[in-house]
Every structure is written in structure tokens, then in C-alpha cells.
Amino acid sequence: MKKVDKLGRIVIPIELRQKYGLNEGTKIEFIGIGEGIMVRSDEPFCKICHEKIPEDNEFPLCEKCMAEVIKSYQEKR
């Protein structure tokens, strides 16, 4: 459980920042839902390594992870 400070700030736990690619400068959005608040990153990130990726990426993976997935697939064939 986190407390809101007098300026309205909260600290997002490091585990969640790493998991969802929330690095310094990442834009996030706060959305009121029923009796709670949802925090959502407004920037796309790789679903494997969580690095930021270009918004026009066709797949939700960075180039490095995409290459590793393709290599792994080819090795299994």
C-alpha cells in the first residue's frame, strides 16, 4: 500500500515499473473506473523485454526480441 504525498504524488513499485516499461519520462494516464483508478502507459513497449518501441511497430516486440523469436522458431523446425 502506498500513500499519496501532499503534492499528490505516489511511487510506483520498481517491480511494476520494470514489468510495464515505466521508465523516467514515460507518459502515463490515470483513468477513473468505478471506485478505483487505473494507471495506463500511453507508450508502446516490447511485451518481452519491456523496452519502448516505435508506435508504428506492427508487432508488440522490439527488433532484438523479434529476431530472437524468429531464431528460436527456426531452430525448432
C-alpha atoms as a PDB file:
ATOM      1  CA  MET A   1       0.000   0.000   0.000  1.00  0.00           C
ATOM      2  CA  LYS A   2       1.370   3.424  -0.951  1.00  0.00           C
ATOM      3  CA  LYS A   3       0.480   6.864   0.401  1.00  0.00           C
ATOM      4  CA  VAL A   4      -0.144   9.938  -1.701  1.00  0.00           C
ATOM      5  CA  ASP A   5       2.133  12.824  -0.646  1.00  0.00           C
ATOM      6  CA  LYS A   6       0.952  16.419  -0.152  1.00  0.00           C
ATOM      7  CA  LEU A   7       1.636  17.195  -3.830  1.00  0.00           C
ATOM      8  CA  GLY A   8      -0.472  14.216  -4.992  1.00  0.00           C
ATOM      9  CA  ARG A   9       2.479  12.033  -5.963  1.00  0.00           C
ATOM     10  CA  ILE A  10       2.779   8.295  -5.488  1.00  0.00           C
ATOM     11  CA  VAL A  11       5.693   5.922  -6.009  1.00  0.00           C
ATOM     12  CA  ILE A  12       5.085   3.040  -8.400  1.00  0.00           C
ATOM     13  CA  PRO A  13       6.954  -0.043  -7.102  1.00  0.00           C
ATOM     14  CA  ILE A  14      10.115  -0.900  -9.054  1.00  0.00           C
ATOM     15  CA  GLU A  15       8.778  -4.359  -9.943  1.00  0.00           C
ATOM     16  CA  LEU A  16       5.782  -2.834 -11.712  1.00  0.00           C
ATOM     17  CA  ARG A  17       7.843  -0.109 -13.398  1.00  0.00           C
ATOM     18  CA  GLN A  18      10.193  -2.757 -14.791  1.00  0.00           C
ATOM     19  CA  LYS A  19       7.408  -5.136 -15.797  1.00  0.00           C
ATOM     20  CA  TYR A  20       5.486  -2.460 -17.683  1.00  0.00           C
ATOM     21  CA  GLY A  21       8.392  -0.404 -19.025  1.00  0.00           C
ATOM     22  CA  LEU A  22       7.643   2.693 -16.960  1.00  0.00           C
ATOM     23  CA  ASN A  23      10.967   4.481 -17.131  1.00  0.00           C
ATOM     24  CA  GLU A  24      11.714   8.112 -16.322  1.00  0.00           C
ATOM     25  CA  GLY A  25       9.840  10.257 -18.829  1.00  0.00           C
ATOM     26  CA  THR A  26       7.248   7.614 -19.710  1.00  0.00           C
ATOM     27  CA  LYS A  27       3.826   9.149 -20.226  1.00  0.00           C
ATOM     28  CA  ILE A  28       1.095   7.604 -18.111  1.00  0.00           C
ATOM     29  CA  GLU A  29      -2.627   8.167 -17.958  1.00  0.00           C
ATOM     30  CA  PHE A  30      -4.904   7.999 -14.908  1.00  0.00           C
ATOM     31  CA  ILE A  31      -8.428   6.753 -15.602  1.00  0.00           C
ATOM     32  CA  GLY A  32     -11.238   6.715 -13.036  1.00  0.00           C
ATOM     33  CA  ILE A  33     -13.011   3.351 -13.097  1.00  0.00           C
ATOM     34  CA  GLY A  34     -15.905   2.791 -10.702  1.00  0.00           C
ATOM     35  CA  GLU A  35     -14.433   3.173  -7.241  1.00  0.00           C
ATOM     36  CA  GLY A  36     -10.807   2.918  -8.362  1.00  0.00           C
ATOM     37  CA  ILE A  37      -8.128   4.378 -10.602  1.00  0.00           C
ATOM     38  CA  MET A  38      -6.401   2.629 -13.489  1.00  0.00           C
ATOM     39  CA  VAL A  39      -2.877   3.730 -14.431  1.00  0.00           C
ATOM     40  CA  ARG A  40      -2.014   3.089 -18.067  1.00  0.00           C
ATOM     41  CA  SER A  41       1.138   3.728 -20.045  1.00  0.00           C
ATOM     42  CA  ASP A  42       0.462   5.817 -23.108  1.00  0.00           C
ATOM     43  CA  GLU A  43       3.565   4.485 -24.849  1.00  0.00           C
ATOM     44  CA  PRO A  44       4.037   1.108 -26.570  1.00  0.00           C
ATOM     45  CA  PHE A  45       6.626  -1.268 -25.131  1.00  0.00           C
ATOM     46  CA  CYS A  46       8.029  -4.683 -26.020  1.00  0.00           C
ATOM     47  CA  LYS A  47       5.986  -7.474 -24.447  1.00  0.00           C
ATOM     48  CA  ILE A  48       9.159  -9.471 -23.721  1.00  0.00           C
ATOM     49  CA  CYS A  49      11.885  -7.062 -22.541  1.00  0.00           C
ATOM     50  CA  HIS A  50       9.653  -4.025 -21.866  1.00  0.00           C
ATOM     51  CA  GLU A  51      11.816  -1.564 -23.831  1.00  0.00           C
ATOM     52  CA  LYS A  52       9.982   1.247 -25.583  1.00  0.00           C
ATOM     53  CA  ILE A  53       9.176   0.546 -29.222  1.00  0.00           C
ATOM     54  CA  PRO A  54       8.070   2.823 -32.077  1.00  0.00           C
ATOM     55  CA  GLU A  55       4.332   3.459 -32.205  1.00  0.00           C
ATOM     56  CA  ASP A  56       4.155   2.168 -35.784  1.00  0.00           C
ATOM     57  CA  ASN A  57       5.507  -1.316 -34.915  1.00  0.00           C
ATOM     58  CA  GLU A  58       3.305  -3.965 -36.486  1.00  0.00           C
ATOM     59  CA  PHE A  59       4.027  -6.383 -33.628  1.00  0.00           C
ATOM     60  CA  PRO A  60       4.385  -5.573 -29.900  1.00  0.00           C
ATOM     61  CA  LEU A  61       8.072  -6.597 -29.863  1.00  0.00           C
ATOM     62  CA  CYS A  62      11.346  -4.696 -30.230  1.00  0.00           C
ATOM     63  CA  GLU A  63      13.699  -5.634 -33.069  1.00  0.00           C
ATOM     64  CA  LYS A  64      16.030  -7.596 -30.765  1.00  0.00           C
ATOM     65  CA  CYS A  65      13.261  -9.714 -29.250  1.00  0.00           C
ATOM     66  CA  MET A  66      11.645 -10.229 -32.661  1.00  0.00           C
ATOM     67  CA  ALA A  67      14.965 -11.566 -34.011  1.00  0.00           C
ATOM     68  CA  GLU A  68      15.280 -13.920 -31.024  1.00  0.00           C
ATOM     69  CA  VAL A  69      11.726 -15.212 -31.516  1.00  0.00           C
ATOM     70  CA  ILE A  70      12.360 -15.843 -35.226  1.00  0.00           C
ATOM     71  CA  LYS A  71      15.676 -17.583 -34.484  1.00  0.00           C
ATOM     72  CA  SER A  72      14.063 -19.779 -31.821  1.00  0.00           C
ATOM     73  CA  TYR A  73      11.219 -20.676 -34.193  1.00  0.00           C
ATOM     74  CA  GLN A  74      13.621 -21.572 -36.994  1.00  0.00           C
ATOM     75  CA  GLU A  75      15.710 -23.772 -34.674  1.00  0.00           C
ATOM     76  CA  LYS A  76      12.620 -25.767 -33.669  1.00  0.00           C
ATOM     77  CA  ARG A  77      11.628 -26.501 -37.279  1.00  0.00           C
END
